[in-house]
PDB file of N, CA and C in Angstrom:
ATOM      1  N   UNK A   1     154.697  67.643-107.107  1.00  0.00           N
ATOM      2  CA  UNK A   1     155.545  67.091-108.150  1.00  0.00           C
ATOM      3  C   UNK A   1     156.948  67.706-108.026  1.00  0.00           C
ATOM      4  N   UNK A   2     158.002  66.862-107.933  1.00  0.00           N
ATOM      5  CA  UNK A   2     159.360  67.402-107.810  1.00  0.00           C
ATOM      6  C   UNK A   2     159.799  68.118-109.082  1.00  0.00           C
ATOM      7  N   UNK A   3     160.561  69.152-108.879  1.00  0.00           N
ATOM      8  CA  UNK A   3     161.049  69.939-109.999  1.00  0.00           C
ATOM      9  C   UNK A   3     162.195  69.199-110.685  1.00  0.00           C
ATOM     10  N   UNK A   4     162.167  69.135-112.008  1.00  0.00           N
ATOM     11  CA  UNK A   4     163.215  68.466-112.765  1.00  0.00           C
ATOM     12  C   UNK A   4     164.054  69.510-113.493  1.00  0.00           C
ATOM     13  N   UNK A   5     165.345  69.360-113.367  1.00  0.00           N
ATOM     14  CA  UNK A   5     166.266  70.252-114.061  1.00  0.00           C
ATOM     15  C   UNK A   5     166.899  69.470-115.200  1.00  0.00           C
ATOM     16  N   UNK A   6     166.900  70.045-116.376  1.00  0.00           N
ATOM     17  CA  UNK A   6     167.470  69.371-117.529  1.00  0.00           C
ATOM     18  C   UNK A   6     168.836  69.981-117.827  1.00  0.00           C
ATOM     19  N   UNK A   7     169.861  69.162-117.727  1.00  0.00           N
ATOM     20  CA  UNK A   7     171.227  69.586-117.980  1.00  0.00           C
ATOM     21  C   UNK A   7     171.871  68.671-119.003  1.00  0.00           C
ATOM     22  N   UNK A   8     173.133  68.909-119.288  1.00  0.00           N
ATOM     23  CA  UNK A   8     173.888  68.084-120.230  1.00  0.00           C
ATOM     24  C   UNK A   8     174.920  67.245-119.485  1.00  0.00           C
ATOM     25  N   UNK A   9     175.129  66.022-119.940  1.00  0.00           N
ATOM     26  CA  UNK A   9     176.147  65.143-119.387  1.00  0.00           C
ATOM     27  C   UNK A   9     177.509  65.787-119.636  1.00  0.00           C
ATOM     28  N   UNK A  10     178.368  65.890-118.619  1.00  0.00           N
ATOM     29  CA  UNK A  10     179.659  66.539-118.812  1.00  0.00           C
ATOM     30  C   UNK A  10     180.614  65.772-119.736  1.00  0.00           C
ATOM     31  N   UNK A  11     180.351  64.513-119.989  1.00  0.00           N
ATOM     32  CA  UNK A  11     181.226  63.701-120.838  1.00  0.00           C
ATOM     33  C   UNK A  11     180.759  63.698-122.295  1.00  0.00           C
ATOM     34  N   UNK A  12     179.514  63.287-122.544  1.00  0.00           N
ATOM     35  CA  UNK A  12     179.043  63.146-123.934  1.00  0.00           C
ATOM     36  C   UNK A  12     178.065  64.231-124.377  1.00  0.00           C
ATOM     37  N   UNK A  13     177.654  65.091-123.454  1.00  0.00           N
ATOM     38  CA  UNK A  13     176.773  66.241-123.730  1.00  0.00           C
ATOM     39  C   UNK A  13     175.330  65.871-124.061  1.00  0.00           C
ATOM     40  N   UNK A  14     174.904  64.637-123.770  1.00  0.00           N
ATOM     41  CA  UNK A  14     173.498  64.274-123.948  1.00  0.00           C
ATOM     42  C   UNK A  14     172.671  64.948-122.857  1.00  0.00           C
ATOM     43  N   UNK A  15     171.406  65.218-123.146  1.00  0.00           N
ATOM     44  CA  UNK A  15     170.508  65.822-122.162  1.00  0.00           C
ATOM     45  C   UNK A  15     170.220  64.820-121.037  1.00  0.00           C
ATOM     46  N   UNK A  16     170.238  65.321-119.796  1.00  0.00           N
ATOM     47  CA  UNK A  16     169.984  64.485-118.619  1.00  0.00           C
ATOM     48  C   UNK A  16     169.039  65.245-117.694  1.00  0.00           C
ATOM     49  N   UNK A  17     168.035  64.548-117.167  1.00  0.00           N
ATOM     50  CA  UNK A  17     167.145  65.180-116.193  1.00  0.00           C
ATOM     51  C   UNK A  17     167.665  64.891-114.790  1.00  0.00           C
ATOM     52  N   UNK A  18     167.394  65.800-113.862  1.00  0.00           N
ATOM     53  CA  UNK A  18     167.931  65.683-112.510  1.00  0.00           C
ATOM     54  C   UNK A  18     167.395  64.480-111.749  1.00  0.00           C
ATOM     55  N   UNK A  19     166.321  63.894-112.208  1.00  0.00           N
ATOM     56  CA  UNK A  19     165.761  62.730-111.523  1.00  0.00           C
ATOM     57  C   UNK A  19     166.372  61.419-112.004  1.00  0.00           C
ATOM     58  N   UNK A  20     167.259  61.468-112.993  1.00  0.00           N
ATOM     59  CA  UNK A  20     167.904  60.259-113.516  1.00  0.00           C
ATOM     60  C   UNK A  20     168.814  59.658-112.447  1.00  0.00           C
ATOM     61  N   UNK A  21     168.883  58.336-112.357  1.00  0.00           N
ATOM     62  CA  UNK A  21     169.702  57.702-111.316  1.00  0.00           C
ATOM     63  C   UNK A  21     171.199  57.978-111.460  1.00  0.00           C
ATOM     64  N   UNK A  22     171.679  58.228-112.659  1.00  0.00           N
ATOM     65  CA  UNK A  22     173.102  58.482-112.877  1.00  0.00           C
ATOM     66  C   UNK A  22     173.445  59.968-112.871  1.00  0.00           C
ATOM     67  N   UNK A  23     172.483  60.831-112.591  1.00  0.00           N
ATOM     68  CA  UNK A  23     172.678  62.283-112.639  1.00  0.00           C
ATOM     69  C   UNK A  23     173.938  62.684-111.887  1.00  0.00           C
ATOM     70  N   UNK A  24     174.798  63.519-112.416  1.00  0.00           N
ATOM     71  CA  UNK A  24     174.658  64.385-113.574  1.00  0.00           C
ATOM     72  C   UNK A  24     175.121  63.754-114.880  1.00  0.00           C
ATOM     73  N   UNK A  25     175.391  62.450-114.862  1.00  0.00           N
ATOM     74  CA  UNK A  25     175.811  61.758-116.075  1.00  0.00           C
ATOM     75  C   UNK A  25     174.615  61.093-116.732  1.00  0.00           C
ATOM     76  N   UNK A  26     174.749  60.759-118.016  1.00  0.00           N
ATOM     77  CA  UNK A  26     173.631  60.121-118.715  1.00  0.00           C
ATOM     78  C   UNK A  26     173.642  58.609-118.535  1.00  0.00           C
ATOM     79  N   UNK A  27     174.807  58.043-118.195  1.00  0.00           N
ATOM     80  CA  UNK A  27     174.913  56.593-118.055  1.00  0.00           C
ATOM     81  C   UNK A  27     176.044  56.238-117.100  1.00  0.00           C
ATOM     82  N   UNK A  28     176.080  54.971-116.737  1.00  0.00           N
ATOM     83  CA  UNK A  28     177.152  54.475-115.881  1.00  0.00           C
ATOM     84  C   UNK A  28     178.492  54.563-116.620  1.00  0.00           C
ATOM     85  N   UNK A  29     178.466  54.383-117.936  1.00  0.00           N
ATOM     86  CA  UNK A  29     179.683  54.479-118.740  1.00  0.00           C
ATOM     87  C   UNK A  29     180.314  55.867-118.614  1.00  0.00           C
ATOM     88  N   UNK A  30     179.533  56.921-118.746  1.00  0.00           N
ATOM     89  CA  UNK A  30     180.049  58.281-118.626  1.00  0.00           C
ATOM     90  C   UNK A  30     180.548  58.556-117.209  1.00  0.00           C
ATOM     91  N   UNK A  31     179.849  58.005-116.210  1.00  0.00           N
ATOM     92  CA  UNK A  31     180.283  58.161-114.822  1.00  0.00           C
ATOM     93  C   UNK A  31     181.669  57.532-114.631  1.00  0.00           C
ATOM     94  N   UNK A  32     181.890  56.341-115.200  1.00  0.00           N
ATOM     95  CA  UNK A  32     183.177  55.665-115.067  1.00  0.00           C
ATOM     96  C   UNK A  32     184.282  56.371-115.846  1.00  0.00           C
ATOM     97  N   UNK A  33     183.953  56.942-116.988  1.00  0.00           N
ATOM     98  CA  UNK A  33     184.938  57.724-117.744  1.00  0.00           C
ATOM     99  C   UNK A  33     185.398  58.908-116.902  1.00  0.00           C
ATOM    100  N   UNK A  34     184.457  59.590-116.268  1.00  0.00           N
ATOM    101  CA  UNK A  34     184.795  60.735-115.422  1.00  0.00           C
ATOM    102  C   UNK A  34     185.650  60.297-114.233  1.00  0.00           C
ATOM    103  N   UNK A  35     185.304  59.195-113.603  1.00  0.00           N
ATOM    104  CA  UNK A  35     186.083  58.676-112.484  1.00  0.00           C
ATOM    105  C   UNK A  35     187.505  58.344-112.936  1.00  0.00           C
ATOM    106  N   UNK A  36     187.641  57.763-114.126  1.00  0.00           N
ATOM    107  CA  UNK A  36     188.967  57.449-114.666  1.00  0.00           C
ATOM    108  C   UNK A  36     189.796  58.699-114.885  1.00  0.00           C
ATOM    109  N   UNK A  37     189.156  59.779-115.328  1.00  0.00           N
ATOM    110  CA  UNK A  37     189.879  61.042-115.513  1.00  0.00           C
ATOM    111  C   UNK A  37     190.380  61.582-114.189  1.00  0.00           C
ATOM    112  N   UNK A  38     189.549  61.485-113.146  1.00  0.00           N
ATOM    113  CA  UNK A  38     189.987  61.933-111.816  1.00  0.00           C
ATOM    114  C   UNK A  38     191.148  61.083-111.324  1.00  0.00           C
ATOM    115  N   UNK A  39     191.029  59.756-111.478  1.00  0.00           N
ATOM    116  CA  UNK A  39     192.044  58.835-110.973  1.00  0.00           C
ATOM    117  C   UNK A  39     193.379  58.998-111.696  1.00  0.00           C
ATOM    118  N   UNK A  40     193.341  59.330-112.984  1.00  0.00           N
ATOM    119  CA  UNK A  40     194.580  59.472-113.758  1.00  0.00           C
ATOM    120  C   UNK A  40     195.216  60.843-113.605  1.00  0.00           C
ATOM    121  N   UNK A  41     194.516  61.761-112.956  1.00  0.00           N
ATOM    122  CA  UNK A  41     195.057  63.098-112.763  1.00  0.00           C
ATOM    123  C   UNK A  41     194.782  64.039-113.924  1.00  0.00           C
ATOM    124  N   UNK A  42     193.818  63.690-114.779  1.00  0.00           N
ATOM    125  CA  UNK A  42     193.483  64.550-115.914  1.00  0.00           C
ATOM    126  C   UNK A  42     192.833  65.856-115.460  1.00  0.00           C
ATOM    127  N   UNK A  43     192.161  65.820-114.317  1.00  0.00           N
ATOM    128  CA  UNK A  43     191.557  67.028-113.770  1.00  0.00           C
ATOM    129  C   UNK A  43     192.515  67.596-112.723  1.00  0.00           C
ATOM    130  N   UNK A  44     193.004  68.799-112.963  1.00  0.00           N
ATOM    131  CA  UNK A  44     193.911  69.434-112.005  1.00  0.00           C
ATOM    132  C   UNK A  44     193.536  70.893-111.833  1.00  0.00           C
ATOM    133  N   UNK A  45     193.915  71.445-110.713  1.00  0.00           N
ATOM    134  CA  UNK A  45     193.750  72.877-110.485  1.00  0.00           C
ATOM    135  C   UNK A  45     195.021  73.525-110.978  1.00  0.00           C
ATOM    136  N   UNK A  46     194.909  74.512-111.839  1.00  0.00           N
ATOM    137  CA  UNK A  46     196.073  75.079-112.511  1.00  0.00           C
ATOM    138  C   UNK A  46     197.065  75.732-111.565  1.00  0.00           C
ATOM    139  N   UNK A  47     196.607  76.397-110.557  1.00  0.00           N
ATOM    140  CA  UNK A  47     197.521  77.004-109.587  1.00  0.00           C
ATOM    141  C   UNK A  47     196.852  77.003-108.216  1.00  0.00           C
ATOM    142  N   UNK A  48     197.652  76.934-107.172  1.00  0.00           N
ATOM    143  CA  UNK A  48     197.045  76.911-105.842  1.00  0.00           C
ATOM    144  C   UNK A  48     196.352  78.229-105.521  1.00  0.00           C
ATOM    145  N   UNK A  49     195.242  78.122-104.835  1.00  0.00           N
ATOM    146  CA  UNK A  49     194.490  79.297-104.427  1.00  0.00           C
ATOM    147  C   UNK A  49     195.131  79.829-103.149  1.00  0.00           C
ATOM    148  N   UNK A  50     195.451  81.122-103.144  1.00  0.00           N
ATOM    149  CA  UNK A  50     196.056  81.722-101.972  1.00  0.00           C
ATOM    150  C   UNK A  50     195.171  82.835-101.445  1.00  0.00           C
ATOM    151  N   UNK A  51     195.149  82.942-100.144  1.00  0.00           N
ATOM    152  CA  UNK A  51     194.420  83.999 -99.478  1.00  0.00           C
ATOM    153  C   UNK A  51     195.193  85.302 -99.672  1.00  0.00           C
ATOM    154  N   UNK A  52     194.517  86.384-100.040  1.00  0.00           N
ATOM    155  CA  UNK A  52     195.184  87.662-100.281  1.00  0.00           C
ATOM    156  C   UNK A  52     195.933  88.148 -99.047  1.00  0.00           C
ATOM    157  N   UNK A  53     195.359  87.938 -97.877  1.00  0.00           N
ATOM    158  CA  UNK A  53     196.018  88.362 -96.639  1.00  0.00           C
ATOM    159  C   UNK A  53     197.324  87.594 -96.434  1.00  0.00           C
ATOM    160  N   UNK A  54     197.325  86.325 -96.792  1.00  0.00           N
ATOM    161  CA  UNK A  54     198.537  85.511 -96.647  1.00  0.00           C
ATOM    162  C   UNK A  54     199.638  86.026 -97.579  1.00  0.00           C
ATOM    163  N   UNK A  55     199.279  86.387 -98.798  1.00  0.00           N
ATOM    164  CA  UNK A  55     200.252  86.923 -99.747  1.00  0.00           C
ATOM    165  C   UNK A  55     200.835  88.227 -99.217  1.00  0.00           C
ATOM    166  N   UNK A  56     200.008  89.100 -98.692  1.00  0.00           N
ATOM    167  CA  UNK A  56     200.474  90.379 -98.142  1.00  0.00           C
ATOM    168  C   UNK A  56     201.396  90.126 -96.948  1.00  0.00           C
ATOM    169  N   UNK A  57     200.999  89.196 -96.087  1.00  0.00           N
ATOM    170  CA  UNK A  57     201.796  88.866 -94.908  1.00  0.00           C
ATOM    171  C   UNK A  57     203.171  88.332 -95.323  1.00  0.00           C
ATOM    172  N   UNK A  58     203.207  87.446 -96.316  1.00  0.00           N
ATOM    173  CA  UNK A  58     204.473  86.889 -96.798  1.00  0.00           C
ATOM    174  C   UNK A  58     205.346  87.971 -97.414  1.00  0.00           C
ATOM    175  N   UNK A  59     204.756  88.881 -98.161  1.00  0.00           N
ATOM    176  CA  UNK A  59     205.518  89.977 -98.767  1.00  0.00           C
ATOM    177  C   UNK A  59     206.106  90.877 -97.682  1.00  0.00           C
ATOM    178  N   UNK A  60     205.342  91.136 -96.627  1.00  0.00           N
ATOM    179  CA  UNK A  60     205.832  91.965 -95.519  1.00  0.00           C
ATOM    180  C   UNK A  60     206.998  91.286 -94.799  1.00  0.00           C
ATOM    181  N   UNK A  61     206.911  89.971 -94.612  1.00  0.00           N
ATOM    182  CA  UNK A  61     207.995  89.236 -93.955  1.00  0.00           C
ATOM    183  C   UNK A  61     209.264  89.281 -94.802  1.00  0.00           C
ATOM    184  N   UNK A  62     209.114  89.141 -96.125  1.00  0.00           N
ATOM    185  CA  UNK A  62     210.275  89.205 -97.027  1.00  0.00           C
ATOM    186  C   UNK A  62     210.903  90.593 -96.996  1.00  0.00           C
ATOM    187  N   UNK A  63     210.077  91.626 -96.926  1.00  0.00           N
ATOM    188  CA  UNK A  63     210.582  93.010 -96.873  1.00  0.00           C
ATOM    189  C   UNK A  63     211.368  93.246 -95.593  1.00  0.00           C
ATOM    190  N   UNK A  64     210.880  92.704 -94.473  1.00  0.00           N
ATOM    191  CA  UNK A  64     211.573  92.862 -93.195  1.00  0.00           C
ATOM    192  C   UNK A  64     212.916  92.141 -93.222  1.00  0.00           C
ATOM    193  N   UNK A  65     212.969  90.960 -93.837  1.00  0.00           N
ATOM    194  CA  UNK A  65     214.211  90.200 -93.910  1.00  0.00           C
ATOM    195  C   UNK A  65     215.255  90.929 -94.756  1.00  0.00           C
ATOM    196  N   UNK A  66     214.841  91.583 -95.816  1.00  0.00           N
ATOM    197  CA  UNK A  66     215.769  92.301 -96.695  1.00  0.00           C
ATOM    198  C   UNK A  66     216.314  93.556 -96.021  1.00  0.00           C
ATOM    199  N   UNK A  67     215.533  94.179 -95.163  1.00  0.00           N
ATOM    200  CA  UNK A  67     215.969  95.416 -94.513  1.00  0.00           C
ATOM    201  C   UNK A  67     216.961  95.159 -93.378  1.00  0.00           C
ATOM    202  N   UNK A  68     217.052  93.942 -92.911  1.00  0.00           N
ATOM    203  CA  UNK A  68     217.976  93.632 -91.805  1.00  0.00           C
ATOM    204  C   UNK A  68     219.368  93.445 -92.245  1.00  0.00           C
TER     205      UNK A  68
END
């Protein structure tokens, strides 16, 4: 018997089982609402993710430019 995980729909918060055809949404309506949010740009990453090594490298390059 497959294991079922019970979660909440990210749009309306109704309970959804992992075996539901619309999972992780409870319905096609909630799936389309989520797609509309993505398409309109409502979901954004607040700031770009930077590699720590890249930041250190950039700071070192700026320091070298100032010393010249």
